[in-house]
Amino acid sequence: MNISKKQLIYRSAIVSGIVGALIALRVGSAQTSWQQVLPNWLQDLVTISLSIIIEALPFVLLGIGVAVLIRVWLPSGVIFKYLPHRPLLRRACVSLYGMFLPVCECGNVPVARTLLSKGLDKSDSLVFLLSAPILNPITILTTQQAFVNDPAIVVARVIGGFIIANTIGWIFARHSDKQLLRSEFIAYCHTEHNHTTNKCMASLLFVKQEVIAMMPALLFGAFCAGIIQTVVPRDILLGLGSDPVLSVVAMVVLAFVVSICSNVDSFFALAFRNTFTTGSLVSFLTFGPMIDVKMLSLMRTTYRPIVLWQISLCVALMSVTLGLVVNYVF
């Protein structure tokens, strides 16, 4: 992934242009004259896309910052030094990394990329990506605050997230690097990035490379999520809230569409507490942090598209199963 200065300027200009255009449209649409020019659906598309970018960007930058710390400043191998050698125990420990790296799903992608380049097993990286957004102190605390009178939702979310992530890791444990990872990323991992002993300069170079990789994916994912939310009538989803089966499916679809940050999604789900079943809320809070439109766009910088579809299907089926168990058993 060697980026020339010309390519860097070109990509930076595109990203800046898109963000600037969205902001200009949003600000301009607030004026009466613009409201007469822009149709309502376009105003909604701009507002939703821009809100997703604004919400996700700080966490992406935080994730890049954590990735820089791991890649440049920590001694090689210190992250994995005390991990168990047995696969099941190792993946269980990796799934708890989120306790010490409290970033949401957006920020976890650059961290996972760095852990992979440092030597983390490819299936273990999937466990980290899927579990860390749920098994981190900020997410657990906000879920507890939102559902203070319903601790079963908090417990089901934490346990369900742990089980689903480790199951995905087990399913893909026998896949090779070429089967899971994009060829561009494999080449990126085998390229020496730190051509200088100056750690500050090496950190800046790494930040540049990650921003180039992450920002176009974030913009594309936010735009896709905005289109879906604009096109799909939410009233259809909300009309299914009382059915124990359809409510679960509807909330999984909603989680995929809204692409809301795992650190605040509990308060979003709280708005549906009186209209949707408990199991459907658990499915929403489990599936959303693992798979959504924005997350898939970011993960696509590292993992092969066919693998992402397989993971999405597996996580969706397990999240729906978890919601049905909560509805019919508890």
C-alpha atoms as a PDB file:
ATOM      1  CA  MET A   1       0.000   0.000   0.000  1.00  0.00           C
ATOM      2  CA  ASN A   2       2.615   2.496  -1.046  1.00  0.00           C
ATOM      3  CA  ILE A   3       0.882   5.809  -1.690  1.00  0.00           C
ATOM      4  CA  SER A   4       2.632   8.433  -3.783  1.00  0.00           C
ATOM      5  CA  LYS A   5       2.437  12.091  -2.870  1.00  0.00           C
ATOM      6  CA  LYS A   6       0.253  12.740  -5.907  1.00  0.00           C
ATOM      7  CA  GLN A   7      -2.191   9.973  -4.909  1.00  0.00           C
ATOM      8  CA  LEU A   8      -2.270  11.277  -1.337  1.00  0.00           C
ATOM      9  CA  ILE A   9      -3.172  14.785  -2.494  1.00  0.00           C
ATOM     10  CA  TYR A  10      -5.808  13.378  -4.889  1.00  0.00           C
ATOM     11  CA  ARG A  11      -7.501  11.197  -2.254  1.00  0.00           C
ATOM     12  CA  SER A  12      -7.330  13.912   0.399  1.00  0.00           C
ATOM     13  CA  ALA A  13      -8.976  16.338  -2.003  1.00  0.00           C
ATOM     14  CA  ILE A  14     -11.790  13.870  -2.738  1.00  0.00           C
ATOM     15  CA  VAL A  15     -12.456  13.185   0.954  1.00  0.00           C
ATOM     16  CA  SER A  16     -12.346  16.887   1.830  1.00  0.00           C
ATOM     17  CA  GLY A  17     -14.607  17.695  -1.115  1.00  0.00           C
ATOM     18  CA  ILE A  18     -17.236  15.141  -0.132  1.00  0.00           C
ATOM     19  CA  VAL A  19     -17.308  16.229   3.513  1.00  0.00           C
ATOM     20  CA  GLY A  20     -17.365  19.887   2.487  1.00  0.00           C
ATOM     21  CA  ALA A  21     -20.221  19.282   0.051  1.00  0.00           C
ATOM     22  CA  LEU A  22     -22.272  17.460   2.687  1.00  0.00           C
ATOM     23  CA  ILE A  23     -21.741  20.240   5.221  1.00  0.00           C
ATOM     24  CA  ALA A  24     -22.575  22.918   2.653  1.00  0.00           C
ATOM     25  CA  LEU A  25     -25.769  21.116   1.636  1.00  0.00           C
ATOM     26  CA  ARG A  26     -26.812  20.603   5.237  1.00  0.00           C
ATOM     27  CA  VAL A  27     -26.175  24.211   6.251  1.00  0.00           C
ATOM     28  CA  GLY A  28     -27.700  25.534   3.072  1.00  0.00           C
ATOM     29  CA  SER A  29     -30.812  23.381   3.417  1.00  0.00           C
ATOM     30  CA  ALA A  30     -31.588  25.130   6.692  1.00  0.00           C
ATOM     31  CA  GLN A  31     -32.240  28.313   4.731  1.00  0.00           C
ATOM     32  CA  THR A  32     -35.690  28.855   3.258  1.00  0.00           C
ATOM     33  CA  SER A  33     -34.396  29.330  -0.265  1.00  0.00           C
ATOM     34  CA  TRP A  34     -32.515  26.006  -0.165  1.00  0.00           C
ATOM     35  CA  GLN A  35     -35.518  24.145   1.216  1.00  0.00           C
ATOM     36  CA  GLN A  36     -37.391  25.091  -1.910  1.00  0.00           C
ATOM     37  CA  VAL A  37     -34.581  23.723  -4.084  1.00  0.00           C
ATOM     38  CA  LEU A  38     -33.641  20.508  -2.254  1.00  0.00           C
ATOM     39  CA  PRO A  39     -36.342  17.809  -1.989  1.00  0.00           C
ATOM     40  CA  ASN A  40     -37.068  16.396   1.471  1.00  0.00           C
ATOM     41  CA  TRP A  41     -35.489  13.033   0.717  1.00  0.00           C
ATOM     42  CA  LEU A  42     -32.204  14.690  -0.272  1.00  0.00           C
ATOM     43  CA  GLN A  43     -32.204  16.790   2.886  1.00  0.00           C
ATOM     44  CA  ASP A  44     -32.770  13.612   4.913  1.00  0.00           C
ATOM     45  CA  LEU A  45     -29.988  11.805   3.055  1.00  0.00           C
ATOM     46  CA  VAL A  46     -27.485  14.602   3.710  1.00  0.00           C
ATOM     47  CA  THR A  47     -28.485  14.937   7.366  1.00  0.00           C
ATOM     48  CA  ILE A  48     -28.302  11.201   8.098  1.00  0.00           C
ATOM     49  CA  SER A  49     -25.022  10.671   6.234  1.00  0.00           C
ATOM     50  CA  LEU A  50     -23.374  13.657   7.875  1.00  0.00           C
ATOM     51  CA  SER A  51     -24.595  12.664  11.343  1.00  0.00           C
ATOM     52  CA  ILE A  52     -23.107   9.181  10.926  1.00  0.00           C
ATOM     53  CA  ILE A  53     -19.772  10.667   9.828  1.00  0.00           C
ATOM     54  CA  ILE A  54     -19.717  13.122  12.743  1.00  0.00           C
ATOM     55  CA  GLU A  55     -20.620  10.385  15.216  1.00  0.00           C
ATOM     56  CA  ALA A  56     -18.094   7.857  13.908  1.00  0.00           C
ATOM     57  CA  LEU A  57     -15.129  10.086  13.066  1.00  0.00           C
ATOM     58  CA  PRO A  58     -13.909  10.706  16.661  1.00  0.00           C
ATOM     59  CA  PHE A  59     -13.907   6.967  17.338  1.00  0.00           C
ATOM     60  CA  VAL A  60     -12.092   6.188  14.100  1.00  0.00           C
ATOM     61  CA  LEU A  61      -9.416   8.716  15.045  1.00  0.00           C
ATOM     62  CA  LEU A  62      -9.263   7.288  18.572  1.00  0.00           C
ATOM     63  CA  GLY A  63      -8.826   3.827  17.099  1.00  0.00           C
ATOM     64  CA  ILE A  64      -6.018   5.076  14.864  1.00  0.00           C
ATOM     65  CA  GLY A  65      -4.382   6.630  17.910  1.00  0.00           C
ATOM     66  CA  VAL A  66      -4.551   3.331  19.815  1.00  0.00           C
ATOM     67  CA  ALA A  67      -3.224   1.548  16.727  1.00  0.00           C
ATOM     68  CA  VAL A  68      -0.250   3.933  16.587  1.00  0.00           C
ATOM     69  CA  LEU A  69       0.504   3.231  20.243  1.00  0.00           C
ATOM     70  CA  ILE A  70       0.465  -0.517  19.624  1.00  0.00           C
ATOM     71  CA  ARG A  71       2.394  -0.470  16.361  1.00  0.00           C
ATOM     72  CA  VAL A  72       5.087   2.103  17.009  1.00  0.00           C
ATOM     73  CA  TRP A  73       5.507   2.598  20.735  1.00  0.00           C
ATOM     74  CA  LEU A  74       4.867  -0.792  22.330  1.00  0.00           C
ATOM     75  CA  PRO A  75       7.644  -3.431  22.152  1.00  0.00           C
ATOM     76  CA  SER A  76       7.017  -6.095  19.516  1.00  0.00           C
ATOM     77  CA  GLY A  77       5.106  -9.089  20.871  1.00  0.00           C
ATOM     78  CA  VAL A  78       4.103  -7.557  24.207  1.00  0.00           C
ATOM     79  CA  ILE A  79       0.407  -7.635  23.253  1.00  0.00           C
ATOM     80  CA  PHE A  80       0.433 -11.415  22.742  1.00  0.00           C
ATOM     81  CA  LYS A  81       3.045 -12.417  25.320  1.00  0.00           C
ATOM     82  CA  TYR A  82       0.638 -13.760  27.917  1.00  0.00           C
ATOM     83  CA  LEU A  83      -2.040 -15.168  25.613  1.00  0.00           C
ATOM     84  CA  PRO A  84      -2.773 -18.912  26.093  1.00  0.00           C
ATOM     85  CA  HIS A  85      -1.604 -21.224  23.320  1.00  0.00           C
ATOM     86  CA  ARG A  86      -4.808 -23.274  23.234  1.00  0.00           C
ATOM     87  CA  PRO A  87      -7.076 -21.771  20.543  1.00  0.00           C
ATOM     88  CA  LEU A  88     -10.306 -21.688  22.556  1.00  0.00           C
ATOM     89  CA  LEU A  89      -8.709 -20.046  25.579  1.00  0.00           C
ATOM     90  CA  ARG A  90      -6.712 -17.660  23.404  1.00  0.00           C
ATOM     91  CA  ARG A  91      -9.809 -16.459  21.553  1.00  0.00           C
ATOM     92  CA  ALA A  92     -11.669 -16.064  24.848  1.00  0.00           C
ATOM     93  CA  CYS A  93      -8.890 -13.806  26.119  1.00  0.00           C
ATOM     94  CA  VAL A  94      -8.743 -11.842  22.859  1.00  0.00           C
ATOM     95  CA  SER A  95     -12.481 -11.217  23.077  1.00  0.00           C
ATOM     96  CA  LEU A  96     -11.822  -9.389  26.373  1.00  0.00           C
ATOM     97  CA  TYR A  97      -9.330  -6.971  24.791  1.00  0.00           C
ATOM     98  CA  GLY A  98     -12.199  -4.520  24.505  1.00  0.00           C
ATOM     99  CA  MET A  99     -12.066  -4.087  28.269  1.00  0.00           C
ATOM    100  CA  PHE A 100      -8.714  -2.364  27.837  1.00  0.00           C
ATOM    101  CA  LEU A 101      -9.330  -0.757  24.429  1.00  0.00           C
ATOM    102  CA  PRO A 102     -12.691   1.017  24.936  1.00  0.00           C
ATOM    103  CA  VAL A 103     -13.355   2.150  21.372  1.00  0.00           C
ATOM    104  CA  CYS A 104     -16.513   1.453  19.399  1.00  0.00           C
ATOM    105  CA  GLU A 105     -16.770  -0.683  16.264  1.00  0.00           C
ATOM    106  CA  CYS A 106     -15.436   2.101  14.001  1.00  0.00           C
ATOM    107  CA  GLY A 107     -12.231   2.536  15.970  1.00  0.00           C
ATOM    108  CA  ASN A 108     -11.705  -1.205  16.320  1.00  0.00           C
ATOM    109  CA  VAL A 109     -10.939  -1.662  12.618  1.00  0.00           C
ATOM    110  CA  PRO A 110      -7.602   0.233  12.585  1.00  0.00           C
ATOM    111  CA  VAL A 111      -6.694  -1.464  15.891  1.00  0.00           C
ATOM    112  CA  ALA A 112      -7.459  -4.902  14.423  1.00  0.00           C
ATOM    113  CA  ARG A 113      -5.413  -4.079  11.317  1.00  0.00           C
ATOM    114  CA  THR A 114      -2.451  -3.231  13.526  1.00  0.00           C
ATOM    115  CA  LEU A 115      -2.854  -6.346  15.669  1.00  0.00           C
ATOM    116  CA  LEU A 116      -2.912  -8.423  12.483  1.00  0.00           C
ATOM    117  CA  SER A 117       0.254  -6.783  11.203  1.00  0.00           C
ATOM    118  CA  LYS A 118       1.850  -7.464  14.600  1.00  0.00           C
ATOM    119  CA  GLY A 119       1.106 -11.177  14.339  1.00  0.00           C
ATOM    120  CA  LEU A 120      -2.392 -11.742  15.721  1.00  0.00           C
ATOM    121  CA  ASP A 121      -4.070 -14.763  14.133  1.00  0.00           C
ATOM    122  CA  LYS A 122      -6.634 -13.821  11.468  1.00  0.00           C
ATOM    123  CA  SER A 123      -9.524 -15.646  13.191  1.00  0.00           C
ATOM    124  CA  ASP A 124      -8.573 -14.051  16.513  1.00  0.00           C
ATOM    125  CA  SER A 125      -8.802 -10.647  14.838  1.00  0.00           C
ATOM    126  CA  LEU A 126     -12.434 -11.410  13.942  1.00  0.00           C
ATOM    127  CA  VAL A 127     -13.130 -12.299  17.572  1.00  0.00           C
ATOM    128  CA  PHE A 128     -11.668  -8.967  18.661  1.00  0.00           C
ATOM    129  CA  LEU A 129     -13.574  -6.977  16.037  1.00  0.00           C
ATOM    130  CA  LEU A 130     -16.928  -8.530  16.913  1.00  0.00           C
ATOM    131  CA  SER A 131     -16.595  -8.663  20.699  1.00  0.00           C
ATOM    132  CA  ALA A 132     -14.755  -5.452  21.592  1.00  0.00           C
ATOM    133  CA  PRO A 133     -17.623  -3.052  20.715  1.00  0.00           C
ATOM    134  CA  ILE A 134     -19.851  -4.911  23.229  1.00  0.00           C
ATOM    135  CA  LEU A 135     -17.353  -6.075  25.843  1.00  0.00           C
ATOM    136  CA  ASN A 136     -15.918  -2.695  26.731  1.00  0.00           C
ATOM    137  CA  PRO A 137     -16.650  -0.718  29.898  1.00  0.00           C
ATOM    138  CA  ILE A 138     -18.274   2.254  28.150  1.00  0.00           C
ATOM    139  CA  THR A 139     -20.797   0.106  26.275  1.00  0.00           C
ATOM    140  CA  ILE A 140     -21.595  -2.000  29.336  1.00  0.00           C
ATOM    141  CA  LEU A 141     -22.076   1.112  31.485  1.00  0.00           C
ATOM    142  CA  THR A 142     -24.346   2.882  28.985  1.00  0.00           C
ATOM    143  CA  THR A 143     -26.421  -0.277  28.515  1.00  0.00           C
ATOM    144  CA  GLN A 144     -26.829  -0.610  32.262  1.00  0.00           C
ATOM    145  CA  GLN A 145     -27.850   3.051  32.565  1.00  0.00           C
ATOM    146  CA  ALA A 146     -30.376   2.799  29.738  1.00  0.00           C
ATOM    147  CA  PHE A 147     -31.961  -0.425  31.025  1.00  0.00           C
ATOM    148  CA  VAL A 148     -31.432   0.088  34.737  1.00  0.00           C
ATOM    149  CA  ASN A 149     -34.734  -1.683  35.519  1.00  0.00           C
ATOM    150  CA  ASP A 150     -34.097  -4.562  33.135  1.00  0.00           C
ATOM    151  CA  PRO A 151     -30.668  -6.107  33.904  1.00  0.00           C
ATOM    152  CA  ALA A 152     -31.543  -9.182  31.825  1.00  0.00           C
ATOM    153  CA  ILE A 153     -30.928  -7.130  28.666  1.00  0.00           C
ATOM    154  CA  VAL A 154     -27.445  -6.168  29.873  1.00  0.00           C
ATOM    155  CA  VAL A 155     -26.552  -9.755  30.789  1.00  0.00           C
ATOM    156  CA  ALA A 156     -27.939 -11.170  27.538  1.00  0.00           C
ATOM    157  CA  ARG A 157     -26.038  -8.600  25.491  1.00  0.00           C
ATOM    158  CA  VAL A 158     -22.681  -9.265  27.161  1.00  0.00           C
ATOM    159  CA  ILE A 159     -22.974 -13.062  27.201  1.00  0.00           C
ATOM    160  CA  GLY A 160     -24.480 -13.179  23.706  1.00  0.00           C
ATOM    161  CA  GLY A 161     -21.752 -10.960  22.274  1.00  0.00           C
ATOM    162  CA  PHE A 162     -19.049 -13.111  23.849  1.00  0.00           C
ATOM    163  CA  ILE A 163     -20.527 -16.366  22.528  1.00  0.00           C
ATOM    164  CA  ILE A 164     -21.207 -15.085  19.002  1.00  0.00           C
ATOM    165  CA  ALA A 165     -17.731 -13.579  18.596  1.00  0.00           C
ATOM    166  CA  ASN A 166     -15.973 -16.731  19.801  1.00  0.00           C
ATOM    167  CA  THR A 167     -18.189 -18.909  17.608  1.00  0.00           C
ATOM    168  CA  ILE A 168     -17.200 -16.855  14.545  1.00  0.00           C
ATOM    169  CA  GLY A 169     -13.552 -17.232  15.518  1.00  0.00           C
ATOM    170  CA  TRP A 170     -13.980 -20.994  15.779  1.00  0.00           C
ATOM    171  CA  ILE A 171     -15.765 -21.233  12.417  1.00  0.00           C
ATOM    172  CA  PHE A 172     -13.028 -19.360  10.551  1.00  0.00           C
ATOM    173  CA  ALA A 173     -10.055 -20.733  12.523  1.00  0.00           C
ATOM    174  CA  ARG A 174      -9.023 -23.135   9.738  1.00  0.00           C
ATOM    175  CA  HIS A 175      -9.154 -20.545   6.967  1.00  0.00           C
ATOM    176  CA  SER A 176      -5.837 -19.352   5.551  1.00  0.00           C
ATOM    177  CA  ASP A 177      -4.706 -15.746   5.272  1.00  0.00           C
ATOM    178  CA  LYS A 178      -5.516 -15.726   1.541  1.00  0.00           C
ATOM    179  CA  GLN A 179      -9.031 -16.991   2.237  1.00  0.00           C
ATOM    180  CA  LEU A 180      -9.809 -14.320   4.828  1.00  0.00           C
ATOM    181  CA  LEU A 181      -7.690 -11.276   4.070  1.00  0.00           C
ATOM    182  CA  ARG A 182      -7.498  -9.029   1.035  1.00  0.00           C
ATOM    183  CA  SER A 183      -4.316  -9.462  -0.985  1.00  0.00           C
ATOM    184  CA  GLU A 184      -3.625  -5.733  -0.670  1.00  0.00           C
ATOM    185  CA  PHE A 185      -3.659  -5.973   3.111  1.00  0.00           C
ATOM    186  CA  ILE A 186      -1.421  -9.057   3.133  1.00  0.00           C
ATOM    187  CA  ALA A 187       1.100  -7.113   1.041  1.00  0.00           C
ATOM    188  CA  TYR A 188       0.658  -4.168   3.413  1.00  0.00           C
ATOM    189  CA  CYS A 189       1.529  -6.374   6.415  1.00  0.00           C
ATOM    190  CA  HIS A 190       4.700  -7.626   4.728  1.00  0.00           C
ATOM    191  CA  THR A 191       5.902  -4.117   3.896  1.00  0.00           C
ATOM    192  CA  GLU A 192       8.269  -2.368   6.270  1.00  0.00           C
ATOM    193  CA  HIS A 193       6.586   0.929   7.185  1.00  0.00           C
ATOM    194  CA  ASN A 194       8.977   2.383   9.680  1.00  0.00           C
ATOM    195  CA  HIS A 195      11.835   3.546   7.497  1.00  0.00           C
ATOM    196  CA  THR A 196      13.034   5.817  10.287  1.00  0.00           C
ATOM    197  CA  THR A 197      14.131   5.259  13.858  1.00  0.00           C
ATOM    198  CA  ASN A 198      12.312   8.443  14.826  1.00  0.00           C
ATOM    199  CA  LYS A 199       9.134   7.164  16.470  1.00  0.00           C
ATOM    200  CA  CYS A 200       7.317  10.460  16.088  1.00  0.00           C
ATOM    201  CA  MET A 201       7.916  10.452  12.341  1.00  0.00           C
ATOM    202  CA  ALA A 202       6.960   6.780  12.128  1.00  0.00           C
ATOM    203  CA  SER A 203       3.725   7.569  13.995  1.00  0.00           C
ATOM    204  CA  LEU A 204       2.848  10.330  11.538  1.00  0.00           C
ATOM    205  CA  LEU A 205       3.505   8.071   8.559  1.00  0.00           C
ATOM    206  CA  PHE A 206       1.311   5.338  10.038  1.00  0.00           C
ATOM    207  CA  VAL A 207      -1.503   7.809  10.806  1.00  0.00           C
ATOM    208  CA  LYS A 208      -1.371   8.993   7.187  1.00  0.00           C
ATOM    209  CA  GLN A 209      -1.641   5.423   5.873  1.00  0.00           C
ATOM    210  CA  GLU A 210      -4.567   4.538   8.149  1.00  0.00           C
ATOM    211  CA  VAL A 211      -6.468   7.748   7.422  1.00  0.00           C
ATOM    212  CA  ILE A 212      -6.094   7.090   3.674  1.00  0.00           C
ATOM    213  CA  ALA A 213      -7.466   3.572   4.178  1.00  0.00           C
ATOM    214  CA  MET A 214     -10.271   4.401   6.636  1.00  0.00           C
ATOM    215  CA  MET A 215     -11.756   7.724   5.535  1.00  0.00           C
ATOM    216  CA  PRO A 216     -13.023   6.722   2.059  1.00  0.00           C
ATOM    217  CA  ALA A 217     -14.552   3.590   3.598  1.00  0.00           C
ATOM    218  CA  LEU A 218     -16.237   5.629   6.342  1.00  0.00           C
ATOM    219  CA  LEU A 219     -17.677   8.109   3.842  1.00  0.00           C
ATOM    220  CA  PHE A 220     -18.925   5.340   1.567  1.00  0.00           C
ATOM    221  CA  GLY A 221     -20.501   3.435   4.472  1.00  0.00           C
ATOM    222  CA  ALA A 222     -22.185   6.546   5.865  1.00  0.00           C
ATOM    223  CA  PHE A 223     -23.568   7.436   2.430  1.00  0.00           C
ATOM    224  CA  CYS A 224     -24.932   3.893   1.917  1.00  0.00           C
ATOM    225  CA  ALA A 225     -26.533   3.914   5.372  1.00  0.00           C
ATOM    226  CA  GLY A 226     -28.096   7.294   4.593  1.00  0.00           C
ATOM    227  CA  ILE A 227     -29.552   5.998   1.320  1.00  0.00           C
ATOM    228  CA  ILE A 228     -31.011   2.906   2.988  1.00  0.00           C
ATOM    229  CA  GLN A 229     -32.572   4.907   5.816  1.00  0.00           C
ATOM    230  CA  THR A 230     -34.026   7.350   3.320  1.00  0.00           C
ATOM    231  CA  VAL A 231     -35.484   4.660   1.043  1.00  0.00           C
ATOM    232  CA  VAL A 232     -36.709   2.067   3.581  1.00  0.00           C
ATOM    233  CA  PRO A 233     -39.834   3.302   5.424  1.00  0.00           C
ATOM    234  CA  ARG A 234     -39.182   2.923   9.156  1.00  0.00           C
ATOM    235  CA  ASP A 235     -42.942   2.654   9.791  1.00  0.00           C
ATOM    236  CA  ILE A 236     -42.839  -0.828   8.243  1.00  0.00           C
ATOM    237  CA  LEU A 237     -40.266  -1.971  10.787  1.00  0.00           C
ATOM    238  CA  LEU A 238     -42.066  -0.364  13.721  1.00  0.00           C
ATOM    239  CA  GLY A 239     -45.329  -2.078  12.805  1.00  0.00           C
ATOM    240  CA  LEU A 240     -43.796  -5.471  13.599  1.00  0.00           C
ATOM    241  CA  GLY A 241     -42.815  -4.696  17.195  1.00  0.00           C
ATOM    242  CA  SER A 242     -45.287  -6.888  19.083  1.00  0.00           C
ATOM    243  CA  ASP A 243     -44.666 -10.150  17.219  1.00  0.00           C
ATOM    244  CA  PRO A 244     -42.078 -12.337  19.070  1.00  0.00           C
ATOM    245  CA  VAL A 245     -40.461 -13.495  15.806  1.00  0.00           C
ATOM    246  CA  LEU A 246     -40.955 -10.643  13.368  1.00  0.00           C
ATOM    247  CA  SER A 247     -39.912  -8.071  15.984  1.00  0.00           C
ATOM    248  CA  VAL A 248     -36.518  -9.750  16.300  1.00  0.00           C
ATOM    249  CA  VAL A 249     -35.995  -9.791  12.532  1.00  0.00           C
ATOM    250  CA  ALA A 250     -37.145  -6.173  12.252  1.00  0.00           C
ATOM    251  CA  MET A 251     -34.721  -4.936  14.912  1.00  0.00           C
ATOM    252  CA  VAL A 252     -31.806  -6.821  13.335  1.00  0.00           C
ATOM    253  CA  VAL A 253     -32.604  -5.112  10.022  1.00  0.00           C
ATOM    254  CA  LEU A 254     -32.922  -1.765  11.813  1.00  0.00           C
ATOM    255  CA  ALA A 255     -29.531  -2.275  13.508  1.00  0.00           C
ATOM    256  CA  PHE A 256     -27.932  -2.938  10.131  1.00  0.00           C
ATOM    257  CA  VAL A 257     -29.512   0.168   8.622  1.00  0.00           C
ATOM    258  CA  VAL A 258     -29.077   2.853  11.295  1.00  0.00           C
ATOM    259  CA  SER A 259     -25.357   2.079  11.871  1.00  0.00           C
ATOM    260  CA  ILE A 260     -25.346   3.751  15.276  1.00  0.00           C
ATOM    261  CA  CYS A 261     -22.297   3.728  17.559  1.00  0.00           C
ATOM    262  CA  SER A 262     -22.221   0.917  20.147  1.00  0.00           C
ATOM    263  CA  ASN A 263     -21.426   3.399  22.913  1.00  0.00           C
ATOM    264  CA  VAL A 264     -24.809   5.103  22.563  1.00  0.00           C
ATOM    265  CA  ASP A 265     -27.047   2.540  20.832  1.00  0.00           C
ATOM    266  CA  SER A 266     -28.640   1.527  24.158  1.00  0.00           C
ATOM    267  CA  PHE A 267     -30.405   4.877  24.453  1.00  0.00           C
ATOM    268  CA  PHE A 268     -31.599   4.551  20.866  1.00  0.00           C
ATOM    269  CA  ALA A 269     -33.005   1.088  21.661  1.00  0.00           C
ATOM    270  CA  LEU A 270     -34.622   2.422  24.842  1.00  0.00           C
ATOM    271  CA  ALA A 271     -37.063   4.389  22.680  1.00  0.00           C
ATOM    272  CA  PHE A 272     -38.520   1.043  21.477  1.00  0.00           C
ATOM    273  CA  ARG A 273     -38.811  -0.503  24.959  1.00  0.00           C
ATOM    274  CA  ASN A 274     -42.608  -0.209  25.145  1.00  0.00           C
ATOM    275  CA  THR A 275     -43.328  -1.265  21.562  1.00  0.00           C
ATOM    276  CA  PHE A 276     -40.837  -4.066  20.858  1.00  0.00           C
ATOM    277  CA  THR A 277     -40.169  -7.358  22.629  1.00  0.00           C
ATOM    278  CA  THR A 278     -37.222  -7.799  24.995  1.00  0.00           C
ATOM    279  CA  GLY A 279     -35.618 -10.366  22.710  1.00  0.00           C
ATOM    280  CA  SER A 280     -35.731  -7.994  19.750  1.00  0.00           C
ATOM    281  CA  LEU A 281     -33.917  -5.325  21.776  1.00  0.00           C
ATOM    282  CA  VAL A 282     -31.232  -7.856  22.726  1.00  0.00           C
ATOM    283  CA  SER A 283     -30.819  -8.808  19.067  1.00  0.00           C
ATOM    284  CA  PHE A 284     -30.526  -5.133  18.107  1.00  0.00           C
ATOM    285  CA  LEU A 285     -27.900  -4.489  20.791  1.00  0.00           C
ATOM    286  CA  THR A 286     -25.940  -7.597  19.800  1.00  0.00           C
ATOM    287  CA  PHE A 287     -26.054  -7.479  16.003  1.00  0.00           C
ATOM    288  CA  GLY A 288     -25.630  -3.721  15.528  1.00  0.00           C
ATOM    289  CA  PRO A 289     -22.164  -3.348  17.120  1.00  0.00           C
ATOM    290  CA  MET A 290     -20.895  -6.346  15.147  1.00  0.00           C
ATOM    291  CA  ILE A 291     -22.360  -5.792  11.684  1.00  0.00           C
ATOM    292  CA  ASP A 292     -23.845  -2.708  10.050  1.00  0.00           C
ATOM    293  CA  VAL A 293     -23.464  -0.856   6.769  1.00  0.00           C
ATOM    294  CA  LYS A 294     -20.720   1.431   8.040  1.00  0.00           C
ATOM    295  CA  MET A 295     -18.834  -1.388   9.776  1.00  0.00           C
ATOM    296  CA  LEU A 296     -18.838  -3.588   6.663  1.00  0.00           C
ATOM    297  CA  SER A 297     -17.444  -0.736   4.603  1.00  0.00           C
ATOM    298  CA  LEU A 298     -14.577  -0.282   7.077  1.00  0.00           C
ATOM    299  CA  MET A 299     -13.900  -4.026   7.389  1.00  0.00           C
ATOM    300  CA  ARG A 300     -13.737  -4.304   3.619  1.00  0.00           C
ATOM    301  CA  THR A 301     -10.361  -2.532   3.747  1.00  0.00           C
ATOM    302  CA  THR A 302      -8.931  -5.683   5.368  1.00  0.00           C
ATOM    303  CA  TYR A 303     -11.144  -8.743   4.777  1.00  0.00           C
ATOM    304  CA  ARG A 304     -12.368 -10.292   1.547  1.00  0.00           C
ATOM    305  CA  PRO A 305     -15.960  -9.374   0.563  1.00  0.00           C
ATOM    306  CA  ILE A 306     -17.144 -13.011   0.418  1.00  0.00           C
ATOM    307  CA  VAL A 307     -15.884 -13.529   3.977  1.00  0.00           C
ATOM    308  CA  LEU A 308     -17.756 -10.455   5.178  1.00  0.00           C
ATOM    309  CA  TRP A 309     -21.002 -11.772   3.703  1.00  0.00           C
ATOM    310  CA  GLN A 310     -20.444 -15.141   5.378  1.00  0.00           C
ATOM    311  CA  ILE A 311     -19.720 -13.476   8.717  1.00  0.00           C
ATOM    312  CA  SER A 312     -22.751 -11.198   8.374  1.00  0.00           C
ATOM    313  CA  LEU A 313     -25.055 -14.132   7.720  1.00  0.00           C
ATOM    314  CA  CYS A 314     -23.664 -16.140  10.646  1.00  0.00           C
ATOM    315  CA  VAL A 315     -23.877 -13.207  13.065  1.00  0.00           C
ATOM    316  CA  ALA A 316     -27.408 -12.380  11.891  1.00  0.00           C
ATOM    317  CA  LEU A 317     -28.620 -15.965  12.408  1.00  0.00           C
ATOM    318  CA  MET A 318     -27.043 -16.181  15.859  1.00  0.00           C
ATOM    319  CA  SER A 319     -28.402 -12.773  16.886  1.00  0.00           C
ATOM    320  CA  VAL A 320     -31.896 -13.745  15.787  1.00  0.00           C
ATOM    321  CA  THR A 321     -31.571 -17.044  17.663  1.00  0.00           C
ATOM    322  CA  LEU A 322     -30.482 -15.168  20.792  1.00  0.00           C
ATOM    323  CA  GLY A 323     -33.489 -12.864  20.555  1.00  0.00           C
ATOM    324  CA  LEU A 324     -35.894 -15.791  20.088  1.00  0.00           C
ATOM    325  CA  VAL A 325     -34.410 -17.580  23.114  1.00  0.00           C
ATOM    326  CA  VAL A 326     -34.939 -14.479  25.224  1.00  0.00           C
ATOM    327  CA  ASN A 327     -38.528 -14.088  23.991  1.00  0.00           C
ATOM    328  CA  TYR A 328     -39.621 -17.700  24.407  1.00  0.00           C
ATOM    329  CA  VAL A 329     -37.522 -18.983  27.306  1.00  0.00           C
ATOM    330  CA  PHE A 330     -37.110 -16.026  29.664  1.00  0.00           C
END
